[in-house]
Amino acid sequence: MKTSWFTLLVALLAVGCATTPRPTPLTQADVISMTKAGMTDEEIIRRIDQTRSVFKLNADAVVNLRKEGVSEHVVNYMLDTLTRAAVDEERRRAYDDYEYQYRFGFFYGYPHHRWCW
């Protein structure tokens, strides 16, 4: 009886620790193919969000996307992905700095007051 409970506990722990892999990010070619397949702008934007794709588009890429029929709304959203990713990264860094200094201890006054030597 004990071994069956232990086996069940180990199996549940293994299932709970399993993670789903992150979906592969979209490319410009994927967006063009979704547009040609007739997907709506909202569906394409939802897919960009689900895959957490970040696009770094130059002027030639924007012209190519527009030439291939990608709507202005989707192109502007793709341009904004780089800015949103940078803001999220900065927000994470600021939170990590806050956690390090105030959660794990901060020597007030150091180095001006050398009381912690």
N, C-alpha and C. Protein backbone atom coordinates (compact mmCIF):
# COMPACT_ATOMS: atom_id res chain seq x y z
N MET A 1 0.82 -1.18 0.00
CA MET A 1 0.00 0.00 0.00
C MET A 1 0.87 1.26 0.00
N LYS A 2 1.94 1.22 0.79
CA LYS A 2 2.82 2.38 0.86
C LYS A 2 3.52 2.63 -0.47
N THR A 3 3.92 1.58 -1.14
CA THR A 3 4.62 1.76 -2.41
C THR A 3 3.69 2.31 -3.48
N SER A 4 2.42 1.97 -3.44
CA SER A 4 1.50 2.50 -4.45
C SER A 4 1.28 4.00 -4.24
N TRP A 5 1.18 4.43 -2.98
CA TRP A 5 1.05 5.87 -2.71
C TRP A 5 2.31 6.62 -3.12
N PHE A 6 3.45 6.00 -2.83
CA PHE A 6 4.71 6.62 -3.20
C PHE A 6 4.84 6.72 -4.72
N THR A 7 4.46 5.67 -5.42
CA THR A 7 4.52 5.69 -6.89
C THR A 7 3.57 6.74 -7.45
N LEU A 8 2.38 6.84 -6.87
CA LEU A 8 1.42 7.84 -7.31
C LEU A 8 1.95 9.25 -7.05
N LEU A 9 2.57 9.47 -5.92
CA LEU A 9 3.13 10.77 -5.60
C LEU A 9 4.25 11.14 -6.55
N VAL A 10 5.12 10.21 -6.87
CA VAL A 10 6.21 10.46 -7.82
C VAL A 10 5.66 10.75 -9.20
N ALA A 11 4.64 10.03 -9.61
CA ALA A 11 4.04 10.25 -10.93
C ALA A 11 3.39 11.63 -11.00
N LEU A 12 2.67 12.03 -9.97
CA LEU A 12 2.06 13.36 -9.94
C LEU A 12 3.11 14.46 -9.93
N LEU A 13 4.18 14.25 -9.21
CA LEU A 13 5.26 15.22 -9.18
C LEU A 13 5.90 15.37 -10.55
N ALA A 14 6.11 14.26 -11.24
CA ALA A 14 6.71 14.31 -12.57
C ALA A 14 5.80 15.01 -13.56
N VAL A 15 4.51 14.77 -13.46
CA VAL A 15 3.56 15.44 -14.36
C VAL A 15 3.49 16.92 -14.04
N GLY A 16 3.53 17.27 -12.78
CA GLY A 16 3.46 18.67 -12.38
C GLY A 16 4.70 19.46 -12.78
N CYS A 17 5.84 18.80 -12.87
CA CYS A 17 7.08 19.48 -13.23
C CYS A 17 7.26 19.62 -14.74
N ALA A 18 6.47 18.92 -15.51
CA ALA A 18 6.60 18.99 -16.96
C ALA A 18 6.15 20.37 -17.44
N THR A 19 6.95 20.96 -18.29
CA THR A 19 6.61 22.27 -18.81
C THR A 19 6.35 22.16 -20.30
N THR A 20 5.50 23.05 -20.76
CA THR A 20 5.25 23.07 -22.19
C THR A 20 6.30 23.96 -22.85
N PRO A 21 6.82 23.53 -23.98
CA PRO A 21 7.85 24.34 -24.63
C PRO A 21 7.24 25.63 -25.19
N ARG A 22 8.06 26.65 -25.23
CA ARG A 22 7.62 27.93 -25.77
C ARG A 22 7.42 27.79 -27.28
N PRO A 23 6.32 28.33 -27.81
CA PRO A 23 6.10 28.22 -29.26
C PRO A 23 7.17 28.99 -30.03
N THR A 24 7.46 28.51 -31.23
CA THR A 24 8.48 29.17 -32.03
C THR A 24 7.97 30.52 -32.51
N PRO A 25 8.80 31.55 -32.46
CA PRO A 25 8.38 32.89 -32.89
C PRO A 25 8.07 32.92 -34.39
N LEU A 26 7.18 33.80 -34.74
CA LEU A 26 6.82 33.97 -36.14
C LEU A 26 7.90 34.76 -36.88
N THR A 27 7.97 34.54 -38.17
CA THR A 27 8.86 35.31 -39.03
C THR A 27 8.01 36.20 -39.92
N GLN A 28 8.68 37.06 -40.67
CA GLN A 28 7.95 37.91 -41.61
C GLN A 28 7.26 37.05 -42.67
N ALA A 29 7.90 35.98 -43.08
CA ALA A 29 7.30 35.09 -44.07
C ALA A 29 6.04 34.43 -43.53
N ASP A 30 6.03 34.10 -42.24
CA ASP A 30 4.82 33.54 -41.63
C ASP A 30 3.67 34.52 -41.66
N VAL A 31 3.96 35.78 -41.36
CA VAL A 31 2.92 36.80 -41.37
C VAL A 31 2.38 37.00 -42.79
N ILE A 32 3.27 36.99 -43.76
CA ILE A 32 2.84 37.14 -45.16
C ILE A 32 1.97 35.96 -45.57
N SER A 33 2.36 34.75 -45.19
CA SER A 33 1.57 33.57 -45.56
C SER A 33 0.22 33.56 -44.86
N MET A 34 0.16 34.04 -43.60
CA MET A 34 -1.13 34.12 -42.92
C MET A 34 -2.03 35.15 -43.59
N THR A 35 -1.45 36.26 -44.06
CA THR A 35 -2.23 37.27 -44.76
C THR A 35 -2.78 36.71 -46.07
N LYS A 36 -1.95 36.01 -46.80
CA LYS A 36 -2.39 35.43 -48.07
C LYS A 36 -3.40 34.31 -47.87
N ALA A 37 -3.36 33.67 -46.70
CA ALA A 37 -4.33 32.61 -46.39
C ALA A 37 -5.69 33.18 -46.01
N GLY A 38 -5.77 34.49 -45.85
CA GLY A 38 -7.05 35.12 -45.57
C GLY A 38 -7.36 35.32 -44.09
N MET A 39 -6.37 35.20 -43.23
CA MET A 39 -6.61 35.44 -41.81
C MET A 39 -6.86 36.92 -41.58
N THR A 40 -7.70 37.22 -40.59
CA THR A 40 -7.99 38.62 -40.28
C THR A 40 -6.84 39.24 -39.50
N ASP A 41 -6.85 40.56 -39.42
CA ASP A 41 -5.80 41.27 -38.68
C ASP A 41 -5.78 40.85 -37.22
N GLU A 42 -6.95 40.70 -36.63
CA GLU A 42 -7.02 40.33 -35.21
C GLU A 42 -6.44 38.94 -34.97
N GLU A 43 -6.69 38.01 -35.88
CA GLU A 43 -6.14 36.66 -35.73
C GLU A 43 -4.62 36.67 -35.85
N ILE A 44 -4.09 37.46 -36.79
CA ILE A 44 -2.64 37.54 -36.95
C ILE A 44 -2.01 38.18 -35.72
N ILE A 45 -2.61 39.23 -35.21
CA ILE A 45 -2.07 39.90 -34.01
C ILE A 45 -2.16 38.98 -32.81
N ARG A 46 -3.24 38.23 -32.68
CA ARG A 46 -3.36 37.28 -31.57
C ARG A 46 -2.27 36.22 -31.66
N ARG A 47 -1.96 35.76 -32.87
CA ARG A 47 -0.92 34.76 -33.06
C ARG A 47 0.47 35.33 -32.72
N ILE A 48 0.70 36.60 -33.08
CA ILE A 48 1.96 37.25 -32.73
C ILE A 48 2.11 37.32 -31.21
N ASP A 49 1.02 37.65 -30.52
CA ASP A 49 1.07 37.72 -29.06
C ASP A 49 1.28 36.35 -28.44
N GLN A 50 0.60 35.33 -28.96
CA GLN A 50 0.72 33.99 -28.40
C GLN A 50 2.14 33.44 -28.52
N THR A 51 2.81 33.75 -29.62
CA THR A 51 4.17 33.24 -29.81
C THR A 51 5.23 34.18 -29.25
N ARG A 52 4.80 35.33 -28.75
CA ARG A 52 5.72 36.34 -28.19
C ARG A 52 6.80 36.72 -29.20
N SER A 53 6.39 36.89 -30.43
CA SER A 53 7.33 37.24 -31.50
C SER A 53 7.72 38.70 -31.39
N VAL A 54 9.00 38.96 -31.64
CA VAL A 54 9.53 40.33 -31.66
C VAL A 54 10.15 40.55 -33.03
N PHE A 55 9.70 41.60 -33.69
CA PHE A 55 10.18 41.90 -35.03
C PHE A 55 11.03 43.16 -35.00
N LYS A 56 12.17 43.09 -35.62
CA LYS A 56 13.03 44.26 -35.78
C LYS A 56 13.03 44.57 -37.28
N LEU A 57 12.11 45.45 -37.68
CA LEU A 57 11.88 45.72 -39.09
C LEU A 57 12.61 46.98 -39.53
N ASN A 58 13.28 46.90 -40.67
CA ASN A 58 13.86 48.09 -41.27
C ASN A 58 12.91 48.59 -42.36
N ALA A 59 13.28 49.65 -43.03
CA ALA A 59 12.39 50.26 -44.03
C ALA A 59 12.12 49.30 -45.19
N ASP A 60 13.13 48.55 -45.62
CA ASP A 60 12.92 47.60 -46.71
C ASP A 60 11.93 46.51 -46.33
N ALA A 61 12.01 46.05 -45.09
CA ALA A 61 11.08 45.01 -44.65
C ALA A 61 9.65 45.53 -44.60
N VAL A 62 9.48 46.77 -44.14
CA VAL A 62 8.14 47.36 -44.09
C VAL A 62 7.57 47.49 -45.50
N VAL A 63 8.39 47.95 -46.44
CA VAL A 63 7.94 48.08 -47.84
C VAL A 63 7.58 46.72 -48.40
N ASN A 64 8.39 45.71 -48.11
CA ASN A 64 8.11 44.36 -48.60
C ASN A 64 6.80 43.82 -48.02
N LEU A 65 6.58 44.03 -46.73
CA LEU A 65 5.34 43.56 -46.11
C LEU A 65 4.12 44.23 -46.74
N ARG A 66 4.22 45.54 -46.94
CA ARG A 66 3.09 46.27 -47.55
C ARG A 66 2.86 45.80 -48.99
N LYS A 67 3.94 45.52 -49.71
CA LYS A 67 3.83 45.05 -51.10
C LYS A 67 3.17 43.68 -51.16
N GLU A 68 3.41 42.85 -50.14
CA GLU A 68 2.83 41.51 -50.10
C GLU A 68 1.38 41.50 -49.61
N GLY A 69 0.85 42.66 -49.22
CA GLY A 69 -0.55 42.75 -48.85
C GLY A 69 -0.84 42.75 -47.36
N VAL A 70 0.18 42.83 -46.51
CA VAL A 70 -0.05 42.89 -45.07
C VAL A 70 -0.62 44.27 -44.74
N SER A 71 -1.66 44.29 -43.92
CA SER A 71 -2.34 45.55 -43.63
C SER A 71 -1.47 46.48 -42.79
N GLU A 72 -1.81 47.75 -42.84
CA GLU A 72 -1.06 48.77 -42.09
C GLU A 72 -1.16 48.52 -40.59
N HIS A 73 -2.32 48.05 -40.15
CA HIS A 73 -2.53 47.77 -38.73
C HIS A 73 -1.56 46.69 -38.23
N VAL A 74 -1.42 45.62 -38.99
CA VAL A 74 -0.52 44.52 -38.60
C VAL A 74 0.94 44.98 -38.67
N VAL A 75 1.29 45.75 -39.70
CA VAL A 75 2.68 46.23 -39.82
C VAL A 75 3.02 47.13 -38.63
N ASN A 76 2.12 48.03 -38.26
CA ASN A 76 2.37 48.89 -37.10
C ASN A 76 2.49 48.08 -35.82
N TYR A 77 1.68 47.04 -35.68
CA TYR A 77 1.77 46.18 -34.51
C TYR A 77 3.12 45.46 -34.48
N MET A 78 3.57 45.01 -35.65
CA MET A 78 4.87 44.34 -35.72
C MET A 78 6.00 45.30 -35.36
N LEU A 79 5.88 46.55 -35.77
CA LEU A 79 6.90 47.55 -35.41
C LEU A 79 6.92 47.82 -33.91
N ASP A 80 5.76 47.75 -33.27
CA ASP A 80 5.67 48.02 -31.84
C ASP A 80 6.16 46.86 -30.97
N THR A 81 6.34 45.68 -31.55
CA THR A 81 6.75 44.55 -30.72
C THR A 81 8.14 44.75 -30.12
N LEU A 82 9.03 45.40 -30.84
CA LEU A 82 10.38 45.63 -30.31
C LEU A 82 10.33 46.59 -29.12
N THR A 83 9.51 47.63 -29.22
CA THR A 83 9.38 48.58 -28.12
C THR A 83 8.77 47.92 -26.90
N ARG A 84 7.72 47.12 -27.11
CA ARG A 84 7.08 46.44 -25.97
C ARG A 84 8.04 45.46 -25.31
N ALA A 85 8.85 44.76 -26.09
CA ALA A 85 9.82 43.83 -25.51
C ALA A 85 10.87 44.56 -24.69
N ALA A 86 11.32 45.73 -25.17
CA ALA A 86 12.31 46.51 -24.42
C ALA A 86 11.72 47.03 -23.12
N VAL A 87 10.47 47.48 -23.15
CA VAL A 87 9.82 47.97 -21.93
C VAL A 87 9.64 46.84 -20.93
N ASP A 88 9.23 45.67 -21.39
CA ASP A 88 9.08 44.52 -20.49
C ASP A 88 10.40 44.11 -19.87
N GLU A 89 11.47 44.13 -20.65
CA GLU A 89 12.78 43.78 -20.12
C GLU A 89 13.25 44.79 -19.07
N GLU A 90 13.03 46.07 -19.33
CA GLU A 90 13.41 47.09 -18.36
C GLU A 90 12.58 46.97 -17.08
N ARG A 91 11.31 46.63 -17.22
CA ARG A 91 10.46 46.43 -16.05
C ARG A 91 10.95 45.25 -15.22
N ARG A 92 11.38 44.17 -15.90
CA ARG A 92 11.92 43.02 -15.17
C ARG A 92 13.22 43.37 -14.45
N ARG A 93 14.09 44.14 -15.12
CA ARG A 93 15.35 44.54 -14.47
C ARG A 93 15.10 45.41 -13.26
N ALA A 94 14.18 46.36 -13.37
CA ALA A 94 13.89 47.24 -12.24
C ALA A 94 13.33 46.44 -11.08
N TYR A 95 12.48 45.47 -11.34
CA TYR A 95 11.94 44.64 -10.28
C TYR A 95 13.04 43.80 -9.64
N ASP A 96 13.93 43.24 -10.45
CA ASP A 96 15.03 42.45 -9.90
C ASP A 96 15.94 43.30 -9.03
N ASP A 97 16.23 44.53 -9.45
CA ASP A 97 17.05 45.43 -8.63
C ASP A 97 16.37 45.73 -7.31
N TYR A 98 15.07 45.99 -7.36
CA TYR A 98 14.31 46.26 -6.13
C TYR A 98 14.37 45.05 -5.21
N GLU A 99 14.12 43.86 -5.75
CA GLU A 99 14.14 42.65 -4.93
C GLU A 99 15.51 42.44 -4.29
N TYR A 100 16.57 42.64 -5.05
CA TYR A 100 17.91 42.41 -4.53
C TYR A 100 18.22 43.36 -3.39
N GLN A 101 17.88 44.63 -3.56
CA GLN A 101 18.28 45.62 -2.56
C GLN A 101 17.42 45.59 -1.31
N TYR A 102 16.12 45.40 -1.45
CA TYR A 102 15.24 45.53 -0.29
C TYR A 102 14.80 44.21 0.30
N ARG A 103 14.86 43.15 -0.46
CA ARG A 103 14.46 41.88 0.09
C ARG A 103 15.64 41.15 0.72
N PHE A 104 16.80 41.23 0.09
CA PHE A 104 17.95 40.49 0.60
C PHE A 104 18.89 41.34 1.42
N GLY A 105 18.50 42.52 1.77
CA GLY A 105 19.30 43.35 2.64
C GLY A 105 20.00 44.46 1.91
N PHE A 106 19.96 45.61 2.50
CA PHE A 106 20.60 46.78 1.92
C PHE A 106 21.34 47.47 3.05
N PHE A 107 22.62 47.72 2.87
CA PHE A 107 23.40 48.36 3.91
C PHE A 107 23.21 49.86 3.82
N TYR A 108 22.34 50.38 4.64
CA TYR A 108 22.05 51.81 4.62
C TYR A 108 23.28 52.60 5.04
N GLY A 109 23.62 53.59 4.27
CA GLY A 109 24.74 54.45 4.61
C GLY A 109 26.05 54.04 3.99
N TYR A 110 26.16 52.81 3.55
CA TYR A 110 27.41 52.37 2.96
C TYR A 110 27.56 52.97 1.58
N PRO A 111 28.69 53.48 1.18
CA PRO A 111 30.01 53.48 1.79
C PRO A 111 30.30 54.73 2.60
N HIS A 112 29.32 55.65 2.75
CA HIS A 112 29.60 56.91 3.43
C HIS A 112 29.81 56.72 4.93
N HIS A 113 29.04 55.87 5.53
CA HIS A 113 29.22 55.57 6.95
C HIS A 113 29.80 54.17 7.05
N ARG A 114 30.99 54.06 7.47
CA ARG A 114 31.70 52.79 7.42
C ARG A 114 31.40 51.93 8.64
N TRP A 115 30.14 51.87 9.03
CA TRP A 115 29.77 51.09 10.20
C TRP A 115 29.66 49.60 9.91
N CYS A 116 29.62 49.21 8.64
CA CYS A 116 29.40 47.79 8.37
C CYS A 116 30.70 47.08 8.01
N TRP A 117 31.83 47.63 8.32
CA TRP A 117 33.10 46.96 8.04
C TRP A 117 33.34 45.90 9.05
